[in-house]
């Protein structure tokens, strides 16, 4: 493999989490309500919950040097390296239906989820 091909394959890590168009629009709307410059959506995985890990999402202005940052339209999504491994290939969606509104993470790495949908292993 040539050095050029190697640097291309190493240079771009996959997105730890992708946002659907609906999720990106809702996050952009919520960020606009915050009216604070430089905020990003931080998506993280923390120990806890009934299945072992739980998802955490909040707006954050502090971005560490080793955070993975991706842009989805006007929305910046930030993921710490440890969470990025657990979220790899996940999708964040938003629904606003009769069954309840909210964000939902579809994680192909989860082997088991709980009934509340916010905890996995």
N, C-alpha and C. Protein backbone atom coordinates (compact mmCIF):
# COMPACT_ATOMS: atom_id res chain seq x y z
N UNK A 1 0.85 -1.16 0.00
CA UNK A 1 0.00 0.00 0.00
C UNK A 1 0.90 1.23 0.00
N UNK A 2 0.57 2.19 -0.82
CA UNK A 2 1.38 3.40 -0.90
C UNK A 2 1.12 4.30 0.31
N UNK A 3 2.03 5.21 0.58
CA UNK A 3 1.89 6.13 1.71
C UNK A 3 0.67 7.01 1.54
N UNK A 4 0.37 7.39 0.30
CA UNK A 4 -0.80 8.24 0.06
C UNK A 4 -2.08 7.49 0.42
N UNK A 5 -2.21 6.25 -0.03
CA UNK A 5 -3.40 5.48 0.28
C UNK A 5 -3.52 5.24 1.78
N UNK A 6 -2.41 4.99 2.44
CA UNK A 6 -2.44 4.73 3.87
C UNK A 6 -2.89 5.98 4.63
N UNK A 7 -2.40 7.15 4.28
CA UNK A 7 -2.78 8.35 5.00
C UNK A 7 -4.25 8.68 4.78
N UNK A 8 -4.77 8.34 3.60
CA UNK A 8 -6.19 8.57 3.34
C UNK A 8 -7.03 7.64 4.21
N UNK A 9 -6.64 6.37 4.32
CA UNK A 9 -7.44 5.42 5.09
C UNK A 9 -7.36 5.69 6.59
N UNK A 10 -6.27 6.23 7.07
CA UNK A 10 -6.12 6.51 8.49
C UNK A 10 -6.70 7.88 8.84
N UNK A 11 -6.62 8.82 7.91
CA UNK A 11 -6.96 10.21 8.20
C UNK A 11 -8.39 10.46 8.62
N UNK A 12 -9.37 9.70 8.16
CA UNK A 12 -10.76 9.98 8.44
C UNK A 12 -11.39 8.82 9.19
N UNK A 13 -11.63 9.02 10.48
CA UNK A 13 -12.30 7.99 11.27
C UNK A 13 -13.79 8.03 10.93
N UNK A 14 -14.46 6.88 11.04
CA UNK A 14 -15.90 6.88 10.78
C UNK A 14 -16.65 7.70 11.83
N UNK A 15 -17.83 8.17 11.47
CA UNK A 15 -18.65 8.90 12.42
C UNK A 15 -19.06 7.96 13.54
N UNK A 16 -18.85 8.36 14.79
CA UNK A 16 -19.32 7.51 15.88
C UNK A 16 -20.85 7.50 15.93
N UNK A 17 -21.47 8.61 15.57
CA UNK A 17 -22.93 8.69 15.56
C UNK A 17 -23.36 9.59 14.42
N UNK A 18 -24.39 9.16 13.70
CA UNK A 18 -24.95 9.95 12.62
C UNK A 18 -26.29 10.51 13.06
N UNK A 19 -26.64 11.69 12.58
CA UNK A 19 -27.92 12.30 12.88
C UNK A 19 -28.81 12.20 11.65
N UNK A 20 -30.07 11.83 11.88
CA UNK A 20 -31.03 11.89 10.79
C UNK A 20 -31.35 13.36 10.55
N UNK A 21 -31.99 13.64 9.43
CA UNK A 21 -32.36 15.03 9.12
C UNK A 21 -33.28 15.59 10.20
N UNK A 22 -34.22 14.77 10.69
CA UNK A 22 -35.14 15.23 11.74
C UNK A 22 -34.40 15.55 13.03
N UNK A 23 -33.45 14.70 13.40
CA UNK A 23 -32.68 14.94 14.62
C UNK A 23 -31.83 16.20 14.48
N UNK A 24 -31.17 16.37 13.34
CA UNK A 24 -30.35 17.56 13.13
C UNK A 24 -31.20 18.83 13.19
N UNK A 25 -32.39 18.79 12.60
CA UNK A 25 -33.28 19.96 12.62
C UNK A 25 -33.72 20.28 14.05
N UNK A 26 -34.07 19.25 14.83
CA UNK A 26 -34.51 19.48 16.21
C UNK A 26 -33.37 20.01 17.07
N UNK A 27 -32.17 19.45 16.91
CA UNK A 27 -31.01 19.93 17.67
C UNK A 27 -30.71 21.38 17.29
N UNK A 28 -30.78 21.71 16.00
CA UNK A 28 -30.55 23.09 15.56
C UNK A 28 -31.57 24.03 16.19
N UNK A 29 -32.82 23.60 16.26
CA UNK A 29 -33.88 24.40 16.88
C UNK A 29 -33.59 24.62 18.37
N UNK A 30 -33.19 23.57 19.07
CA UNK A 30 -32.88 23.68 20.50
C UNK A 30 -31.65 24.55 20.74
N UNK A 31 -30.64 24.41 19.87
CA UNK A 31 -29.44 25.26 20.00
C UNK A 31 -29.79 26.72 19.80
N UNK A 32 -30.68 27.03 18.86
CA UNK A 32 -31.10 28.40 18.62
C UNK A 32 -31.79 28.99 19.85
N UNK A 33 -32.54 28.17 20.56
CA UNK A 33 -33.21 28.62 21.78
C UNK A 33 -32.21 28.93 22.89
N UNK A 34 -31.09 28.24 22.90
CA UNK A 34 -30.06 28.46 23.91
C UNK A 34 -29.40 29.83 23.72
N UNK A 35 -29.28 30.26 22.47
CA UNK A 35 -28.71 31.56 22.13
C UNK A 35 -27.32 31.78 22.74
N UNK A 36 -26.48 30.72 22.66
CA UNK A 36 -25.11 30.79 23.15
C UNK A 36 -24.19 30.34 22.02
N UNK A 37 -23.20 31.14 21.70
CA UNK A 37 -22.26 30.80 20.63
C UNK A 37 -21.37 29.62 21.02
N UNK A 38 -21.03 28.79 20.04
CA UNK A 38 -20.04 27.74 20.25
C UNK A 38 -20.54 26.48 20.92
N UNK A 39 -21.86 26.32 21.05
CA UNK A 39 -22.38 25.10 21.67
C UNK A 39 -22.44 23.97 20.65
N UNK A 40 -22.17 22.78 21.12
CA UNK A 40 -22.27 21.57 20.30
C UNK A 40 -23.09 20.55 21.08
N UNK A 41 -23.65 19.60 20.37
CA UNK A 41 -24.33 18.49 21.03
C UNK A 41 -23.29 17.44 21.39
N UNK A 42 -23.17 17.17 22.68
CA UNK A 42 -22.26 16.12 23.12
C UNK A 42 -23.09 14.85 23.33
N UNK A 43 -22.65 13.77 22.70
CA UNK A 43 -23.28 12.46 22.86
C UNK A 43 -22.24 11.57 23.54
N UNK A 44 -22.65 10.97 24.66
CA UNK A 44 -21.70 10.17 25.43
C UNK A 44 -22.37 8.89 25.92
N UNK A 45 -21.53 7.95 26.31
CA UNK A 45 -21.97 6.71 26.93
C UNK A 45 -21.35 6.67 28.31
N UNK A 46 -22.18 6.41 29.30
CA UNK A 46 -21.71 6.36 30.68
C UNK A 46 -22.09 5.02 31.31
N UNK A 47 -21.27 4.52 32.25
CA UNK A 47 -21.66 3.31 32.97
C UNK A 47 -22.93 3.59 33.76
N UNK A 48 -23.82 2.61 33.80
CA UNK A 48 -25.06 2.77 34.56
C UNK A 48 -26.26 2.33 33.76
N UNK A 49 -27.41 2.51 34.33
CA UNK A 49 -28.64 2.08 33.67
C UNK A 49 -28.88 0.61 33.95
N UNK A 50 -30.04 0.14 33.61
CA UNK A 50 -30.40 -1.24 33.94
C UNK A 50 -29.71 -2.28 33.07
N UNK A 51 -29.10 -1.86 31.96
CA UNK A 51 -28.41 -2.83 31.09
C UNK A 51 -26.89 -2.66 31.08
N UNK A 52 -26.34 -1.73 31.83
CA UNK A 52 -24.89 -1.59 31.91
C UNK A 52 -24.34 -0.25 31.48
N UNK A 53 -24.88 0.31 30.38
CA UNK A 53 -24.46 1.62 29.90
C UNK A 53 -25.71 2.46 29.63
N UNK A 54 -25.55 3.77 29.70
CA UNK A 54 -26.66 4.64 29.34
C UNK A 54 -26.14 5.77 28.46
N UNK A 55 -27.03 6.29 27.62
CA UNK A 55 -26.69 7.39 26.73
C UNK A 55 -26.87 8.71 27.47
N UNK A 56 -26.02 9.64 27.15
CA UNK A 56 -26.09 10.97 27.73
C UNK A 56 -25.96 11.97 26.59
N UNK A 57 -26.84 12.97 26.54
CA UNK A 57 -26.79 14.01 25.52
C UNK A 57 -27.01 15.35 26.19
N UNK A 58 -26.14 16.30 25.86
CA UNK A 58 -26.29 17.65 26.40
C UNK A 58 -25.49 18.61 25.53
N UNK A 59 -25.78 19.90 25.68
CA UNK A 59 -25.04 20.92 24.95
C UNK A 59 -23.77 21.26 25.71
N UNK A 60 -22.67 21.39 24.97
CA UNK A 60 -21.37 21.60 25.59
C UNK A 60 -20.57 22.59 24.75
N UNK A 61 -19.90 23.49 25.43
CA UNK A 61 -19.03 24.45 24.74
C UNK A 61 -17.56 24.06 24.85
N UNK A 62 -17.26 23.09 25.70
CA UNK A 62 -15.88 22.67 25.90
C UNK A 62 -15.60 21.42 25.06
N UNK A 63 -14.66 21.56 24.14
CA UNK A 63 -14.29 20.45 23.27
C UNK A 63 -12.83 20.10 23.52
N UNK A 64 -12.59 18.86 23.92
CA UNK A 64 -11.24 18.40 24.20
C UNK A 64 -10.51 18.12 22.89
N UNK A 65 -9.21 18.13 22.95
CA UNK A 65 -8.38 17.90 21.77
C UNK A 65 -8.62 16.53 21.14
N UNK A 66 -8.92 15.52 21.97
CA UNK A 66 -9.11 14.17 21.43
C UNK A 66 -10.58 13.82 21.15
N UNK A 67 -11.50 14.77 21.33
CA UNK A 67 -12.90 14.54 20.99
C UNK A 67 -13.06 14.36 19.49
N UNK A 68 -14.03 13.56 19.10
CA UNK A 68 -14.39 13.40 17.70
C UNK A 68 -15.50 14.41 17.43
N UNK A 69 -15.30 15.28 16.45
CA UNK A 69 -16.27 16.33 16.13
C UNK A 69 -16.73 16.12 14.69
N UNK A 70 -18.04 16.09 14.51
CA UNK A 70 -18.63 15.96 13.17
C UNK A 70 -19.70 17.03 13.00
N UNK A 71 -19.86 17.48 11.77
CA UNK A 71 -20.85 18.50 11.44
C UNK A 71 -22.01 17.87 10.69
N UNK A 72 -23.22 18.24 11.08
CA UNK A 72 -24.45 17.83 10.40
C UNK A 72 -25.24 19.09 10.13
N UNK A 73 -25.02 19.68 8.97
CA UNK A 73 -25.61 20.99 8.67
C UNK A 73 -25.01 22.02 9.59
N UNK A 74 -25.85 22.71 10.35
CA UNK A 74 -25.38 23.74 11.28
C UNK A 74 -25.07 23.19 12.67
N UNK A 75 -25.21 21.88 12.84
CA UNK A 75 -25.05 21.25 14.15
C UNK A 75 -23.70 20.54 14.25
N UNK A 76 -22.96 20.85 15.31
CA UNK A 76 -21.73 20.13 15.63
C UNK A 76 -22.05 19.07 16.67
N UNK A 77 -21.58 17.85 16.42
CA UNK A 77 -21.75 16.75 17.37
C UNK A 77 -20.37 16.36 17.87
N UNK A 78 -20.24 16.25 19.19
CA UNK A 78 -18.97 15.96 19.84
C UNK A 78 -19.10 14.65 20.62
N UNK A 79 -18.10 13.77 20.45
CA UNK A 79 -18.10 12.48 21.15
C UNK A 79 -16.70 12.24 21.69
N UNK A 80 -16.60 11.87 22.97
CA UNK A 80 -15.29 11.55 23.54
C UNK A 80 -14.82 10.21 22.97
N UNK A 81 -13.50 9.95 22.98
CA UNK A 81 -12.97 8.74 22.35
C UNK A 81 -13.52 7.43 22.90
N UNK A 82 -13.71 7.33 24.21
CA UNK A 82 -14.24 6.08 24.79
C UNK A 82 -15.67 5.84 24.34
N UNK A 83 -16.48 6.89 24.32
CA UNK A 83 -17.86 6.76 23.86
C UNK A 83 -17.91 6.46 22.36
N UNK A 84 -16.97 7.03 21.60
CA UNK A 84 -16.95 6.83 20.15
C UNK A 84 -16.86 5.35 19.81
N UNK A 85 -16.06 4.59 20.56
CA UNK A 85 -15.94 3.15 20.31
C UNK A 85 -17.27 2.42 20.55
N UNK A 86 -18.00 2.83 21.59
CA UNK A 86 -19.27 2.18 21.92
C UNK A 86 -20.42 2.62 21.03
N UNK A 87 -20.27 3.79 20.40
CA UNK A 87 -21.31 4.35 19.55
C UNK A 87 -21.10 4.10 18.06
N UNK A 88 -19.94 3.59 17.68
CA UNK A 88 -19.56 3.47 16.28
C UNK A 88 -20.70 2.91 15.42
N UNK A 89 -21.12 3.69 14.42
CA UNK A 89 -22.17 3.27 13.52
C UNK A 89 -23.58 3.55 14.00
N UNK A 90 -23.73 4.25 15.12
CA UNK A 90 -25.05 4.54 15.68
C UNK A 90 -25.73 5.67 14.93
N UNK A 91 -27.04 5.73 15.08
CA UNK A 91 -27.85 6.79 14.49
C UNK A 91 -28.72 7.42 15.56
N UNK A 92 -28.71 8.75 15.60
CA UNK A 92 -29.57 9.50 16.50
C UNK A 92 -30.74 10.03 15.68
N UNK A 93 -31.95 9.68 16.09
CA UNK A 93 -33.15 10.11 15.38
C UNK A 93 -34.04 10.86 16.37
N UNK A 94 -34.99 11.60 15.81
CA UNK A 94 -35.96 12.33 16.62
C UNK A 94 -37.34 12.02 16.08
N UNK A 95 -38.28 11.75 16.99
CA UNK A 95 -39.66 11.55 16.57
C UNK A 95 -40.56 12.46 17.40
N UNK A 96 -41.65 12.87 16.78
CA UNK A 96 -42.59 13.78 17.43
C UNK A 96 -44.00 13.26 17.17
N UNK A 97 -44.25 12.02 17.56
CA UNK A 97 -45.52 11.39 17.27
C UNK A 97 -46.41 11.27 18.48
N UNK A 98 -47.53 10.59 18.29
CA UNK A 98 -48.50 10.40 19.37
C UNK A 98 -47.96 9.52 20.49
N UNK A 99 -47.00 8.66 20.17
CA UNK A 99 -46.42 7.77 21.17
C UNK A 99 -45.37 8.46 22.03
N UNK A 100 -45.18 9.74 21.83
CA UNK A 100 -44.21 10.49 22.60
C UNK A 100 -43.10 11.03 21.74
N UNK A 101 -42.67 12.23 22.07
CA UNK A 101 -41.60 12.87 21.32
C UNK A 101 -40.28 12.62 22.02
N UNK A 102 -39.22 12.61 21.23
CA UNK A 102 -37.91 12.49 21.84
C UNK A 102 -36.87 11.93 20.89
N UNK A 103 -35.64 11.92 21.40
CA UNK A 103 -34.51 11.40 20.65
C UNK A 103 -34.36 9.90 20.95
N UNK A 104 -33.90 9.18 19.93
CA UNK A 104 -33.70 7.74 20.08
C UNK A 104 -32.39 7.35 19.39
N UNK A 105 -31.57 6.57 20.09
CA UNK A 105 -30.31 6.09 19.54
C UNK A 105 -30.48 4.65 19.07
N UNK A 106 -30.12 4.40 17.80
CA UNK A 106 -30.06 3.04 17.28
C UNK A 106 -28.59 2.68 17.21
N UNK A 107 -28.19 1.72 18.04
CA UNK A 107 -26.78 1.37 18.19
C UNK A 107 -26.55 -0.08 17.77
N UNK A 108 -25.83 -0.29 16.65
CA UNK A 108 -25.59 -1.67 16.20
C UNK A 108 -24.65 -2.45 17.12
N UNK A 109 -23.99 -1.77 18.04
CA UNK A 109 -23.06 -2.43 18.97
C UNK A 109 -23.77 -2.94 20.22
N UNK A 110 -25.00 -2.52 20.45
CA UNK A 110 -25.74 -2.93 21.64
C UNK A 110 -26.22 -4.37 21.47
N UNK A 111 -25.87 -5.22 22.41
CA UNK A 111 -26.31 -6.60 22.35
C UNK A 111 -27.62 -6.80 23.12
N UNK A 112 -27.92 -5.84 24.00
CA UNK A 112 -29.16 -5.93 24.80
C UNK A 112 -29.55 -4.51 25.18
N UNK A 113 -30.85 -4.22 25.14
CA UNK A 113 -31.35 -2.92 25.59
C UNK A 113 -32.44 -3.15 26.61
N UNK A 114 -32.72 -2.13 27.39
CA UNK A 114 -33.78 -2.25 28.38
C UNK A 114 -35.08 -1.67 27.83
N UNK A 115 -36.14 -1.79 28.56
CA UNK A 115 -37.44 -1.32 28.13
C UNK A 115 -37.53 0.17 27.95
N UNK A 116 -36.73 0.93 28.72
CA UNK A 116 -36.80 2.39 28.63
C UNK A 116 -36.10 2.91 27.38
N UNK A 117 -35.24 2.11 26.77
CA UNK A 117 -34.57 2.50 25.55
C UNK A 117 -33.36 3.39 25.73
N UNK A 118 -33.03 3.73 26.97
CA UNK A 118 -31.88 4.59 27.18
C UNK A 118 -30.70 3.86 27.82
N UNK A 119 -30.81 2.56 27.95
CA UNK A 119 -29.76 1.76 28.56
C UNK A 119 -29.47 0.57 27.66
N UNK A 120 -28.19 0.17 27.59
CA UNK A 120 -27.81 -0.95 26.74
C UNK A 120 -26.58 -1.64 27.28
N UNK A 121 -26.28 -2.80 26.71
CA UNK A 121 -25.03 -3.50 27.03
C UNK A 121 -24.46 -4.07 25.75
